[in-house]
Amino acid sequence: MGITDYEKIVGKDIIDELKLISRRLRKKKIQCINSTKTGGGVAEILSRIVPLLNDLGIDTRWDVISADLDYFAVTKSFHNALHGRKIEITQNMFDKFLATGKNILSNTEIYGDIVFVHDPQPIMLVDKKGKNDKWIWRCHVDVSNPYMEVWEFLRRFIEQYDVSVFSSPKFARELEIPQFLVTPSVDPFSEKNRDLTQSEIDGVLKRYGIEKNKPIVTQVSRFDYLKDPIGVIEAYRLVKKYINCQLILAGNRAADDPETDLVLNDIMEKKGDDPDIHVLLIGPEKNDFDVNALQRASDVIIQKSIREGFAITITEALWKERPVIASAVGGIPLQISHRYSGLLCHTVGGAALGIRELLNNPEYAKRLAANGKEHVRRNFLSTRHLRDYMLLFLYLYNPEDIIYL
């Protein structure tokens, strides 16, 4: 899909504005760097944004760092600590991060006029910052209440960047560099979000052995303790006492997340022999299409995160006009206005009550879902994301001209 294809959704004026802004960036080379090509919201967003920037005539490339599993175990611990989860952080972890960071420095070529680094894993690359290139550090996690020893350790690198970017005003922290708010987005034409026929949806349900005629409650996310899959099962069981429904827990495997198998083992133990709980580890070759179909087939989408940067899966579900109940944490309230575009909850019991309400009142659920889709169309599509990023790129060179960013 090219940028002009989005006119039918957002209008010609918005596309014309994107083309106008992009002209001022045609001579700049953008280098995006993160830790994985598949799994998780960062890779998903980059896989759509990078081609669109190129379609607008901006030379944009995407590189992924290489590191061993022990390093990613450390960065996952850092990730959890930044989210405020109580976890032991040792000096050996800091030493491993620094030692591997030096290897990443040695093995990563920096060629961009603007180097766009995502999250802590590649953060040390800023040591390669030159006199004329510009560097952006993008934080995708909820750092509103981090374990301070980890935050202060990373801060020494963050403040070498020219600017930082966060997904919610709640995540802002005291820094000596400018901070910007850019919320994530979904691409309506991606395989995960495009329209599907009923036969395509039915085919996916049949392949996974999911009944069509029994209400479906679904959570799509990485298999991560911070997504609280155990709490989702507990909420489902409270609902099951009153409504004969099914639960789907669907996710994929991210190369930089070594906790997946541990979480899956706990989920399977909690699931027991309940045939109405479907735990789906979806491979990369089918992930986007299958997730799309599962979301569209669902009567309710849940996202019961304990901490959350933004939860792009909520945006996806809202775009598909599905009713959503989610925890009132992190960037989620930016997407869901309680009882207008979805329901917010704080506990397992609250999640269960919300699911029951949506299943028992389909007309109300439909109104919430319609409001949610329009909210996404106005605020969380790729076109808005592109505009924010391009204005940010221009700010790096002309801060006095972009005062409204």
Protein backbone atom coordinates (compact mmCIF):
# COMPACT_ATOMS: atom_id res chain seq x y z
CA MET A 1 0.00 0.00 0.00
CA GLY A 2 1.23 3.50 -0.84
CA ILE A 3 0.51 6.65 1.12
CA THR A 4 -2.24 7.78 -1.28
CA ASP A 5 -4.27 4.64 -0.45
CA TYR A 6 -4.95 6.13 2.98
CA GLU A 7 -6.99 8.97 1.49
CA LYS A 8 -10.16 6.86 1.60
CA ILE A 9 -9.81 6.60 5.40
CA VAL A 10 -8.33 9.92 6.58
CA GLY A 11 -9.05 12.26 3.67
CA LYS A 12 -6.99 13.96 0.96
CA ASP A 13 -6.00 16.98 3.08
CA ILE A 14 -4.09 14.85 5.57
CA ILE A 15 -2.23 12.99 2.84
CA ASP A 16 -1.35 16.27 1.09
CA GLU A 17 0.02 17.59 4.39
CA LEU A 18 2.22 14.51 4.83
CA LYS A 19 3.61 14.96 1.32
CA LEU A 20 4.31 18.63 2.00
CA ILE A 21 6.19 17.92 5.24
CA SER A 22 8.17 15.08 3.68
CA ARG A 23 9.67 17.38 1.03
CA ARG A 24 11.81 19.04 3.70
CA LEU A 25 13.29 15.67 4.67
CA ARG A 26 14.12 14.24 1.24
CA LYS A 27 17.88 14.71 1.72
CA LYS A 28 17.97 13.07 5.16
CA LYS A 29 18.68 9.40 5.81
CA ILE A 30 16.78 7.89 8.75
CA GLN A 31 18.20 4.83 10.54
CA CYS A 32 15.84 2.98 12.90
CA ILE A 33 17.38 0.51 15.35
CA ASN A 34 15.73 -1.93 17.76
CA SER A 35 16.26 -5.44 19.13
CA THR A 36 13.95 -7.68 17.07
CA LYS A 37 12.25 -7.86 13.67
CA THR A 38 9.31 -9.90 14.96
CA GLY A 39 7.21 -10.06 18.11
CA GLY A 40 5.91 -7.11 20.10
CA GLY A 41 4.54 -3.71 19.20
CA VAL A 42 7.83 -1.99 18.33
CA ALA A 43 8.65 -4.34 15.46
CA GLU A 44 5.06 -4.26 14.32
CA ILE A 45 4.99 -0.46 14.12
CA LEU A 46 8.39 -0.19 12.41
CA SER A 47 7.37 -2.77 9.81
CA ARG A 48 4.64 -0.36 8.67
CA ILE A 49 6.13 3.08 9.34
CA VAL A 50 9.47 2.47 7.58
CA PRO A 51 7.92 1.57 4.18
CA LEU A 52 5.56 4.55 4.37
CA LEU A 53 8.41 6.96 5.07
CA ASN A 54 10.21 5.55 2.04
CA ASP A 55 7.04 5.91 -0.02
CA LEU A 56 7.04 9.59 0.96
CA GLY A 57 10.55 9.88 -0.49
CA ILE A 58 12.49 9.78 2.81
CA ASP A 59 15.36 7.27 2.78
CA THR A 60 14.56 5.18 5.87
CA ARG A 61 16.16 1.88 6.89
CA TRP A 62 15.65 -0.51 9.79
CA ASP A 63 18.47 -2.37 11.56
CA VAL A 64 18.32 -4.89 14.39
CA ILE A 65 21.08 -5.41 16.96
CA SER A 66 22.56 -8.85 17.59
CA ALA A 67 23.14 -10.19 21.11
CA ASP A 68 23.07 -13.46 23.05
CA LEU A 69 20.19 -14.79 25.14
CA ASP A 70 21.92 -13.88 28.40
CA TYR A 71 21.90 -10.23 27.33
CA PHE A 72 18.21 -10.36 26.49
CA ALA A 73 17.55 -11.97 29.88
CA VAL A 74 19.19 -8.91 31.45
CA THR A 75 17.27 -6.44 29.28
CA LYS A 76 14.01 -8.25 30.09
CA SER A 77 14.82 -7.81 33.78
CA PHE A 78 15.50 -4.13 33.09
CA HIS A 79 12.19 -3.95 31.21
CA ASN A 80 10.33 -5.36 34.19
CA ALA A 81 12.19 -3.06 36.59
CA LEU A 82 11.36 0.01 34.49
CA HIS A 83 7.72 -1.02 34.70
CA GLY A 84 8.06 -0.98 38.48
CA ARG A 85 7.96 -4.74 38.99
CA LYS A 86 9.87 -5.90 42.07
CA ILE A 87 12.83 -7.85 40.75
CA GLU A 88 16.42 -8.38 41.84
CA ILE A 89 18.92 -6.40 39.79
CA THR A 90 22.55 -7.35 40.40
CA GLN A 91 25.88 -5.76 39.56
CA ASN A 92 26.55 -8.70 37.23
CA MET A 93 23.52 -7.62 35.20
CA PHE A 94 24.87 -4.10 34.81
CA ASP A 95 28.28 -5.53 33.87
CA LYS A 96 26.70 -7.84 31.27
CA PHE A 97 24.72 -4.93 29.81
CA LEU A 98 27.86 -2.80 29.47
CA ALA A 99 30.01 -5.59 28.05
CA THR A 100 27.43 -6.62 25.46
CA GLY A 101 26.70 -2.98 24.69
CA LYS A 102 30.33 -2.56 23.68
CA ASN A 103 30.02 -5.55 21.33
CA ILE A 104 26.86 -4.07 19.83
CA LEU A 105 28.78 -0.82 19.31
CA SER A 106 31.51 -2.68 17.47
CA ASN A 107 29.12 -4.66 15.27
CA THR A 108 26.60 -1.97 14.32
CA GLU A 109 27.21 0.43 11.45
CA ILE A 110 25.83 3.92 11.96
CA TYR A 111 25.02 5.69 8.70
CA GLY A 112 21.90 7.77 9.38
CA ASP A 113 21.64 11.53 9.47
CA ILE A 114 18.97 10.79 12.08
CA VAL A 115 19.47 7.70 14.24
CA PHE A 116 16.24 6.53 15.85
CA VAL A 117 16.93 4.08 18.70
CA HIS A 118 14.09 2.16 20.35
CA ASP A 119 14.11 1.07 24.02
CA PRO A 120 17.04 0.12 26.28
CA GLN A 121 18.54 -2.82 24.34
CA PRO A 122 20.45 -0.68 21.76
CA ILE A 123 20.73 2.42 23.95
CA MET A 124 24.55 2.38 24.23
CA LEU A 125 24.88 2.97 20.49
CA VAL A 126 24.70 6.69 21.27
CA ASP A 127 28.41 6.44 22.10
CA LYS A 128 28.84 6.52 18.30
CA LYS A 129 27.10 9.89 18.04
CA GLY A 130 28.90 12.18 15.63
CA LYS A 131 29.10 15.94 15.39
CA ASN A 132 26.49 16.31 12.66
CA ASP A 133 24.07 13.41 13.12
CA LYS A 134 20.96 13.64 15.28
CA TRP A 135 19.86 10.97 17.75
CA ILE A 136 16.41 10.09 19.14
CA TRP A 137 15.73 7.67 21.98
CA ARG A 138 12.22 6.20 21.89
CA CYS A 139 10.88 4.62 25.11
CA HIS A 140 7.96 2.24 24.57
CA VAL A 141 7.56 1.13 28.20
CA ASP A 142 5.76 2.61 31.20
CA VAL A 143 8.46 4.38 33.23
CA SER A 144 6.08 6.30 35.48
CA ASN A 145 7.32 4.42 38.55
CA PRO A 146 10.59 2.69 37.64
CA TYR A 147 13.12 0.95 39.83
CA MET A 148 15.36 3.97 40.16
CA GLU A 149 18.71 2.19 40.09
CA VAL A 150 17.96 0.91 36.58
CA TRP A 151 16.53 4.24 35.44
CA GLU A 152 19.56 6.20 36.68
CA PHE A 153 21.87 3.67 35.03
CA LEU A 154 20.11 4.17 31.68
CA ARG A 155 19.76 7.92 32.14
CA ARG A 156 23.48 8.45 31.59
CA PHE A 157 22.94 7.18 28.03
CA ILE A 158 19.53 8.78 27.47
CA GLU A 159 20.86 12.25 28.13
CA GLN A 160 23.47 11.86 25.38
CA TYR A 161 20.61 11.81 22.85
CA ASP A 162 19.22 14.95 21.28
CA VAL A 163 15.61 14.18 22.23
CA SER A 164 13.54 11.49 23.92
CA VAL A 165 10.07 10.21 22.99
CA PHE A 166 7.42 8.66 25.25
CA SER A 167 3.95 7.20 24.68
CA SER A 168 2.08 8.97 27.49
CA PRO A 169 2.46 12.19 29.53
CA LYS A 170 2.46 9.96 32.63
CA PHE A 171 5.85 8.57 31.61
CA ALA A 172 7.70 11.88 31.54
CA ARG A 173 10.70 12.03 33.87
CA GLU A 174 13.20 14.73 34.67
CA LEU A 175 15.76 14.78 31.87
CA GLU A 176 18.26 17.29 30.54
CA ILE A 177 17.07 16.73 26.96
CA PRO A 178 13.70 17.61 25.36
CA GLN A 179 10.88 15.08 25.71
CA PHE A 180 8.09 14.51 23.19
CA LEU A 181 4.80 12.65 23.27
CA VAL A 182 4.14 10.34 20.33
CA THR A 183 1.52 7.65 20.80
CA PRO A 184 1.78 4.42 18.79
CA SER A 185 -0.54 3.58 15.90
CA VAL A 186 -2.01 0.82 13.78
CA ASP A 187 -1.97 0.48 10.02
CA PRO A 188 -5.49 -0.22 8.69
CA PHE A 189 -4.08 -1.97 5.62
CA SER A 190 -1.68 -4.33 7.38
CA GLU A 191 -2.35 -8.06 7.41
CA LYS A 192 -3.28 -7.77 11.08
CA ASN A 193 -5.87 -5.03 10.54
CA ARG A 194 -7.27 -5.39 7.00
CA ASP A 195 -10.86 -6.43 6.45
CA LEU A 196 -11.48 -10.20 6.35
CA THR A 197 -14.30 -12.23 4.89
CA GLN A 198 -16.44 -14.35 7.18
CA SER A 199 -15.08 -17.49 5.51
CA GLU A 200 -11.51 -16.40 6.36
CA ILE A 201 -12.49 -15.85 10.01
CA ASP A 202 -14.35 -19.16 10.17
CA GLY A 203 -11.36 -20.98 8.72
CA VAL A 204 -9.08 -19.75 11.49
CA LEU A 205 -11.59 -20.70 14.20
CA LYS A 206 -11.92 -24.18 12.73
CA ARG A 207 -8.15 -24.64 12.56
CA TYR A 208 -7.80 -23.87 16.28
CA GLY A 209 -10.87 -25.83 17.34
CA ILE A 210 -12.80 -22.80 18.57
CA GLU A 211 -16.60 -22.92 18.54
CA LYS A 212 -18.46 -20.24 16.58
CA ASN A 213 -21.65 -20.39 18.61
CA LYS A 214 -20.24 -19.83 22.08
CA PRO A 215 -19.17 -16.30 23.22
CA ILE A 216 -15.44 -15.68 22.81
CA VAL A 217 -13.34 -13.54 25.16
CA THR A 218 -9.81 -12.91 23.86
CA GLN A 219 -6.56 -11.42 25.08
CA VAL A 220 -3.82 -10.96 22.46
CA SER A 221 -0.38 -10.10 23.82
CA ARG A 222 3.11 -11.36 24.45
CA PHE A 223 3.16 -14.14 27.04
CA ASP A 224 4.45 -11.88 29.77
CA TYR A 225 3.67 -11.71 33.50
CA LEU A 226 2.98 -7.98 33.16
CA LYS A 227 0.07 -8.83 30.82
CA ASP A 228 -1.45 -10.85 33.72
CA PRO A 229 -2.65 -13.91 31.77
CA ILE A 230 -3.31 -15.70 35.07
CA GLY A 231 -5.60 -12.86 36.13
CA VAL A 232 -7.39 -13.14 32.77
CA ILE A 233 -8.07 -16.84 33.42
CA GLU A 234 -9.37 -16.00 36.90
CA ALA A 235 -11.70 -13.35 35.45
CA TYR A 236 -12.93 -15.80 32.79
CA ARG A 237 -13.73 -18.38 35.48
CA LEU A 238 -15.82 -15.85 37.39
CA VAL A 239 -17.74 -15.09 34.19
CA LYS A 240 -18.09 -18.79 33.37
CA LYS A 241 -20.28 -19.26 36.44
CA TYR A 242 -22.97 -17.22 34.68
CA ILE A 243 -22.19 -17.36 30.94
CA ASN A 244 -20.98 -20.40 29.01
CA CYS A 245 -18.11 -18.70 27.16
CA GLN A 246 -14.65 -19.45 25.79
CA LEU A 247 -11.30 -17.78 26.47
CA ILE A 248 -8.48 -17.29 23.96
CA LEU A 249 -5.00 -16.30 25.10
CA ALA A 250 -3.07 -15.68 21.89
CA GLY A 251 0.47 -14.44 21.39
CA ASN A 252 3.76 -14.98 19.62
CA ARG A 253 7.39 -15.36 20.57
CA ALA A 254 9.71 -12.34 20.57
CA ALA A 255 13.44 -12.98 20.01
CA ASP A 256 14.36 -10.55 22.80
CA ASP A 257 11.98 -12.03 25.43
CA PRO A 258 13.34 -15.15 27.17
CA GLU A 259 10.41 -15.38 29.64
CA THR A 260 7.90 -16.75 27.15
CA ASP A 261 8.24 -20.42 28.10
CA LEU A 262 8.07 -19.70 31.84
CA VAL A 263 4.86 -17.74 31.42
CA LEU A 264 3.36 -20.37 29.11
CA ASN A 265 4.08 -23.11 31.66
CA ASP A 266 2.25 -21.16 34.36
CA ILE A 267 -0.67 -20.52 32.01
CA MET A 268 -0.99 -24.19 31.10
CA GLU A 269 -0.92 -25.18 34.78
CA LYS A 270 -3.66 -22.63 35.54
CA LYS A 271 -5.66 -23.74 32.49
CA GLY A 272 -5.76 -27.35 33.64
CA ASP A 273 -8.09 -29.51 31.56
CA ASP A 274 -10.58 -26.77 30.67
CA PRO A 275 -11.37 -27.32 26.95
CA ASP A 276 -12.80 -23.79 26.63
CA ILE A 277 -9.45 -22.13 27.36
CA HIS A 278 -7.43 -21.90 24.13
CA VAL A 279 -3.76 -21.00 24.60
CA LEU A 280 -2.31 -20.20 21.18
CA LEU A 281 1.39 -19.62 20.53
CA ILE A 282 1.15 -18.40 16.96
CA GLY A 283 4.18 -18.63 14.68
CA PRO A 284 5.39 -15.59 12.70
CA GLU A 285 4.22 -17.03 9.37
CA LYS A 286 0.56 -16.91 10.46
CA ASN A 287 0.59 -14.45 13.35
CA ASP A 288 -0.86 -11.33 11.73
CA PHE A 289 -3.62 -13.05 9.76
CA ASP A 290 -4.64 -15.36 12.60
CA VAL A 291 -4.68 -12.59 15.21
CA ASN A 292 -6.79 -10.46 12.89
CA ALA A 293 -9.33 -13.26 12.51
CA LEU A 294 -9.37 -14.12 16.22
CA GLN A 295 -9.96 -10.50 17.21
CA ARG A 296 -12.76 -10.10 14.67
CA ALA A 297 -14.40 -13.32 15.87
CA SER A 298 -14.33 -12.24 19.52
CA ASP A 299 -17.32 -10.94 21.43
CA VAL A 300 -15.08 -9.16 23.95
CA ILE A 301 -11.39 -8.22 23.86
CA ILE A 302 -9.62 -7.96 27.21
CA GLN A 303 -6.24 -6.46 28.07
CA LYS A 304 -5.65 -6.99 31.77
CA SER A 305 -2.12 -5.61 31.97
CA ILE A 306 -0.53 -4.84 35.32
CA ARG A 307 1.71 -2.22 33.70
CA GLU A 308 1.55 -1.10 30.09
CA GLY A 309 3.31 1.31 27.79
CA PHE A 310 0.40 1.67 25.39
CA ALA A 311 -1.08 -1.74 24.38
CA ILE A 312 -1.26 -1.63 20.59
CA THR A 313 -3.51 -4.72 20.73
CA ILE A 314 -6.26 -2.49 22.16
CA THR A 315 -5.92 -0.10 19.23
CA GLU A 316 -6.18 -3.06 16.85
CA ALA A 317 -9.32 -4.34 18.55
CA LEU A 318 -10.96 -0.91 18.60
CA TRP A 319 -10.20 -0.45 14.90
CA LYS A 320 -11.96 -3.75 14.24
CA GLU A 321 -14.95 -2.35 16.15
CA ARG A 322 -14.76 -4.89 18.96
CA PRO A 323 -15.81 -3.99 22.55
CA VAL A 324 -12.79 -3.80 24.86
CA ILE A 325 -12.26 -3.98 28.61
CA ALA A 326 -8.77 -3.14 29.84
CA SER A 327 -6.82 -2.21 32.95
CA ALA A 328 -6.64 1.50 33.73
CA VAL A 329 -2.82 1.56 33.63
CA GLY A 330 -0.07 3.19 31.58
CA GLY A 331 -1.12 4.47 28.17
CA ILE A 332 -4.38 2.50 28.05
CA PRO A 333 -6.61 5.40 29.24
CA LEU A 334 -5.41 7.39 26.21
CA GLN A 335 -7.29 4.86 24.10
CA ILE A 336 -10.28 4.03 26.28
CA SER A 337 -12.56 6.62 27.81
CA HIS A 338 -14.53 4.62 30.38
CA ARG A 339 -18.05 3.85 29.21
CA TYR A 340 -17.54 5.81 25.99
CA SER A 341 -15.03 3.85 23.92
CA GLY A 342 -14.67 0.83 26.18
CA LEU A 343 -14.53 -0.21 29.81
CA LEU A 344 -11.66 0.24 32.26
CA CYS A 345 -11.03 -2.04 35.23
CA HIS A 346 -8.69 -2.28 38.22
CA THR A 347 -9.11 -5.83 39.54
CA VAL A 348 -9.88 -9.39 38.46
CA GLY A 349 -13.40 -8.95 39.81
CA GLY A 350 -13.83 -5.69 37.92
CA ALA A 351 -12.66 -7.34 34.71
CA ALA A 352 -15.16 -10.15 35.20
CA LEU A 353 -18.04 -7.72 35.82
CA GLY A 354 -17.10 -5.80 32.69
CA ILE A 355 -16.99 -8.93 30.55
CA ARG A 356 -20.40 -9.98 31.84
CA GLU A 357 -21.85 -6.55 31.14
CA LEU A 358 -20.59 -6.54 27.56
CA LEU A 359 -21.75 -10.10 26.87
CA ASN A 360 -25.17 -9.50 28.39
CA ASN A 361 -25.76 -6.18 26.62
CA PRO A 362 -24.62 -6.53 22.99
CA GLU A 363 -26.22 -3.23 21.89
CA TYR A 364 -24.28 -1.32 24.53
CA ALA A 365 -21.12 -3.21 23.55
CA LYS A 366 -21.73 -2.26 19.92
CA ARG A 367 -22.03 1.45 20.78
CA LEU A 368 -18.77 1.38 22.74
CA ALA A 369 -17.03 -0.41 19.87
CA ALA A 370 -18.25 2.14 17.28
CA ASN A 371 -17.02 5.02 19.43
CA GLY A 372 -13.70 3.24 19.88
CA LYS A 373 -13.18 2.80 16.14
CA GLU A 374 -13.79 6.49 15.48
CA HIS A 375 -11.37 7.42 18.27
CA VAL A 376 -8.70 5.29 16.60
CA ARG A 377 -9.43 6.78 13.17
CA ARG A 378 -8.89 10.28 14.53
CA ASN A 379 -5.89 9.62 16.73
CA PHE A 380 -4.09 6.31 16.31
CA LEU A 381 -3.61 5.51 12.63
CA SER A 382 -0.27 5.38 10.81
CA THR A 383 -0.87 8.73 9.11
CA ARG A 384 -0.92 10.60 12.42
CA HIS A 385 2.16 8.67 13.54
CA LEU A 386 4.00 9.63 10.35
CA ARG A 387 3.15 13.29 10.84
CA ASP A 388 4.43 13.26 14.43
CA TYR A 389 7.69 11.57 13.47
CA MET A 390 8.36 13.83 10.49
CA LEU A 391 7.74 16.97 12.57
CA LEU A 392 10.09 15.56 15.20
CA PHE A 393 12.77 15.00 12.55
CA LEU A 394 12.35 18.61 11.39
CA TYR A 395 12.55 19.85 14.96
CA LEU A 396 16.02 18.35 15.30
CA TYR A 397 17.28 20.78 12.67
CA ASN A 398 14.91 23.71 13.16
CA PRO A 399 13.55 23.73 16.73
CA GLU A 400 12.33 27.31 16.49
CA ASP A 401 10.07 26.41 13.53
CA ILE A 402 8.24 23.49 15.16
CA ILE A 403 7.14 25.12 18.40
CA TYR A 404 3.77 23.34 18.43
CA LEU A 405 5.16 19.81 18.55
